[in-house]
Amino acid sequence: MRIWPLLLILTLMFSTTLLAACERGAPAPKAGAHDHSQHLHDPAAAAAPDGAKKSDEPAGPSIETGSFLLAVAPAQPRYAIGKAGLVEIALEGRGDWHVNQEYPIRVDLKGAPGVTWTKNELVKDDAKEFGEDKVRFVAAVKPAAAGDHEVTCDVSFAMCTEENCILEKRTVAMQLKVE
């Protein structure tokens, strides 16, 4: 009896099993188990065919693509020296795209000198609203000086359709006007 046909069949079965594990039904990565900021998962997303900025380009207060809208905005009309204020960060799906509920969403907050955050990192449990259509965070910021101060939000998230999921890391920023 020849063993080669049996080995070939076993190899094909093993390969098929591995490929099936990579399908959409596979469990999402666990928070903290893998540092996604160290590399790019989807080279097609890096090209940003829809013209959206990637995280290494200058940030604006919002980014809108065919799959999502990500924005940072003041949550109040004025900010005062030494008084805590609020900033809102919102992510909304577009078209058939929705926010992946299992992917460990993360917001890293940075501010110009003289601007401090109550928390420098926000995760799913910090969200004021968390759904497939929209995720919304409200972050507390405390300015120490008058003037315009840039605040930056680096956001890691995943957007999905029934057929596809794309991992994203984008940066939005706004001017905090302090009186």
Protein backbone atom coordinates (compact mmCIF):
# COMPACT_ATOMS: atom_id res chain seq x y z
CA MET A 1 0.00 0.00 0.00
CA ARG A 2 1.31 3.40 -0.93
CA ILE A 3 1.31 6.08 1.74
CA TRP A 4 1.57 9.09 -0.62
CA PRO A 5 -2.12 9.25 -1.58
CA LEU A 6 -3.07 9.13 2.11
CA LEU A 7 -0.61 11.92 2.97
CA LEU A 8 -1.93 14.04 0.11
CA ILE A 9 -5.52 13.62 1.31
CA LEU A 10 -4.57 14.49 4.91
CA THR A 11 -2.64 17.57 3.75
CA LEU A 12 -5.60 18.80 1.72
CA MET A 13 -7.98 18.25 4.64
CA PHE A 14 -5.68 20.15 7.02
CA SER A 15 -5.29 23.07 4.56
CA THR A 16 -9.04 23.30 4.07
CA THR A 17 -9.57 23.39 7.84
CA LEU A 18 -7.06 26.23 8.23
CA LEU A 19 -8.68 28.26 5.46
CA ALA A 20 -12.13 27.76 6.98
CA ALA A 21 -10.88 29.14 10.31
CA CYS A 22 -10.06 32.44 8.59
CA GLU A 23 -13.64 33.02 7.45
CA ARG A 24 -15.95 35.70 8.89
CA GLY A 25 -17.24 33.33 11.58
CA ALA A 26 -13.88 33.15 13.31
CA PRO A 27 -13.73 34.86 16.72
CA ALA A 28 -12.57 38.46 16.84
CA PRO A 29 -9.16 39.28 18.31
CA LYS A 30 -9.14 39.83 22.07
CA ALA A 31 -8.22 43.26 23.45
CA GLY A 32 -4.57 43.46 24.40
CA ALA A 33 -3.73 40.15 22.73
CA HIS A 34 -2.20 41.77 19.67
CA ASP A 35 -0.82 45.26 19.03
CA HIS A 36 -2.42 46.34 15.75
CA SER A 37 -0.65 49.70 15.74
CA GLN A 38 2.66 48.02 14.90
CA HIS A 39 1.64 46.99 11.38
CA LEU A 40 -0.97 47.35 8.67
CA HIS A 41 -3.48 44.53 8.22
CA ASP A 42 -5.10 45.60 4.96
CA PRO A 43 -2.78 47.11 2.34
CA ALA A 44 -5.81 47.98 0.18
CA ALA A 45 -7.14 50.18 2.98
CA ALA A 46 -3.79 51.96 3.22
CA ALA A 47 -4.17 53.26 -0.31
CA ALA A 48 -7.38 55.06 0.75
CA PRO A 49 -8.97 54.87 -2.71
CA ASP A 50 -11.83 57.08 -1.54
CA GLY A 51 -9.39 59.93 -0.81
CA ALA A 52 -9.61 59.76 2.99
CA LYS A 53 -6.56 60.68 5.04
CA LYS A 54 -4.62 57.98 6.86
CA SER A 55 -3.23 58.47 10.37
CA ASP A 56 0.19 59.71 9.18
CA GLU A 57 -1.31 62.71 7.34
CA PRO A 58 -2.45 65.95 9.02
CA ALA A 59 -5.76 65.38 10.76
CA GLY A 60 -8.97 67.37 10.52
CA PRO A 61 -12.00 67.31 12.78
CA SER A 62 -13.66 64.61 10.64
CA ILE A 63 -12.94 61.88 8.11
CA GLU A 64 -15.70 60.53 5.89
CA THR A 65 -15.32 57.56 3.55
CA GLY A 66 -17.77 55.24 1.84
CA SER A 67 -17.71 53.02 4.94
CA PHE A 68 -17.60 55.42 7.92
CA LEU A 69 -17.67 58.92 9.38
CA LEU A 70 -15.24 59.61 12.23
CA ALA A 71 -15.39 63.01 13.95
CA VAL A 72 -14.18 64.89 17.00
CA ALA A 73 -16.15 67.94 18.17
CA PRO A 74 -16.62 70.21 21.19
CA ALA A 75 -19.35 68.90 23.49
CA GLN A 76 -19.93 72.39 24.92
CA PRO A 77 -19.82 75.98 23.63
CA ARG A 78 -16.82 77.24 25.69
CA TYR A 79 -13.77 76.02 27.56
CA ALA A 80 -12.27 77.88 30.53
CA ILE A 81 -8.79 77.81 32.07
CA GLY A 82 -8.59 75.22 34.86
CA LYS A 83 -12.13 73.92 34.36
CA ALA A 84 -12.91 70.46 33.00
CA GLY A 85 -14.74 70.39 29.69
CA LEU A 86 -15.99 67.67 27.37
CA VAL A 87 -15.03 66.57 23.85
CA GLU A 88 -17.07 64.10 21.78
CA ILE A 89 -15.58 61.45 19.48
CA ALA A 90 -18.11 59.69 17.21
CA LEU A 91 -17.86 56.87 14.66
CA GLU A 92 -20.78 56.08 12.33
CA GLY A 93 -21.18 53.41 9.67
CA ARG A 94 -22.09 54.36 6.09
CA GLY A 95 -24.08 52.34 3.57
CA ASP A 96 -23.87 48.60 4.25
CA TRP A 97 -20.93 49.09 6.65
CA HIS A 98 -21.25 48.70 10.42
CA VAL A 99 -18.92 48.94 13.40
CA ASN A 100 -17.50 45.54 14.35
CA GLN A 101 -18.83 44.90 17.87
CA GLU A 102 -16.15 42.29 18.66
CA TYR A 103 -13.05 44.20 17.56
CA PRO A 104 -11.34 46.02 20.48
CA ILE A 105 -12.04 49.67 19.57
CA ARG A 106 -9.55 52.12 21.11
CA VAL A 107 -9.14 55.92 21.24
CA ASP A 108 -5.76 57.41 22.25
CA LEU A 109 -6.12 61.06 23.32
CA LYS A 110 -3.37 63.66 23.08
CA GLY A 111 -3.31 67.37 23.73
CA ALA A 112 -1.02 70.33 23.21
CA PRO A 113 1.07 71.40 26.23
CA GLY A 114 -1.26 72.75 28.89
CA VAL A 115 -4.12 70.41 27.97
CA THR A 116 -4.69 67.28 30.04
CA TRP A 117 -7.23 64.46 29.71
CA THR A 118 -8.93 62.67 32.59
CA LYS A 119 -8.16 59.43 30.69
CA ASN A 120 -5.59 59.20 27.87
CA GLU A 121 -7.09 55.99 26.47
CA LEU A 122 -10.73 55.06 25.88
CA VAL A 123 -12.03 51.55 25.13
CA LYS A 124 -15.43 49.94 24.50
CA ASP A 125 -16.48 50.13 28.17
CA ASP A 126 -15.88 53.92 28.16
CA ALA A 127 -18.33 54.53 25.29
CA LYS A 128 -21.49 56.53 26.02
CA GLU A 129 -23.14 54.82 23.04
CA PHE A 130 -21.97 51.57 21.45
CA GLY A 131 -23.86 49.99 18.58
CA GLU A 132 -23.34 48.68 15.06
CA ASP A 133 -24.50 51.97 13.55
CA LYS A 134 -22.73 54.39 15.91
CA VAL A 135 -20.10 54.52 18.64
CA ARG A 136 -19.79 57.69 20.74
CA PHE A 137 -17.27 58.63 23.41
CA VAL A 138 -17.28 61.72 25.63
CA ALA A 139 -13.85 62.59 27.05
CA ALA A 140 -13.05 65.07 29.82
CA VAL A 141 -10.31 67.59 29.08
CA LYS A 142 -8.82 70.27 31.33
CA PRO A 143 -7.00 73.24 29.73
CA ALA A 144 -4.40 75.15 31.76
CA ALA A 145 -3.92 78.18 29.48
CA ALA A 146 -5.97 80.49 27.25
CA GLY A 147 -5.75 80.29 23.48
CA ASP A 148 -6.21 77.68 20.77
CA HIS A 149 -4.87 74.23 21.64
CA GLU A 150 -4.93 71.21 19.36
CA VAL A 151 -6.37 67.96 20.71
CA THR A 152 -5.80 64.74 18.79
CA CYS A 153 -7.64 61.41 18.81
CA ASP A 154 -5.99 58.29 17.32
CA VAL A 155 -8.81 55.80 16.79
CA SER A 156 -8.40 52.05 16.06
CA PHE A 157 -11.55 50.23 14.92
CA ALA A 158 -12.96 47.78 12.38
CA MET A 159 -15.75 48.34 9.86
CA CYS A 160 -17.59 45.38 8.32
CA THR A 161 -20.16 44.36 5.74
CA GLU A 162 -21.61 40.87 5.38
CA GLU A 163 -18.67 39.96 3.13
CA ASN A 164 -15.72 41.97 4.39
CA CYS A 165 -14.08 43.56 7.44
CA ILE A 166 -11.43 46.28 7.29
CA LEU A 167 -9.25 47.27 10.21
CA GLU A 168 -8.71 51.03 10.47
CA LYS A 169 -6.47 53.38 12.43
CA ARG A 170 -7.32 57.01 11.80
CA THR A 171 -6.53 60.34 13.45
CA VAL A 172 -8.89 63.27 13.94
CA ALA A 173 -8.01 66.57 15.60
CA MET A 174 -9.65 69.86 16.55
CA GLN A 175 -8.75 73.21 18.04
CA LEU A 176 -9.85 73.68 21.64
CA LYS A 177 -10.60 77.39 22.09
CA VAL A 178 -9.93 78.30 25.72
CA GLU A 179 -10.95 81.63 27.26
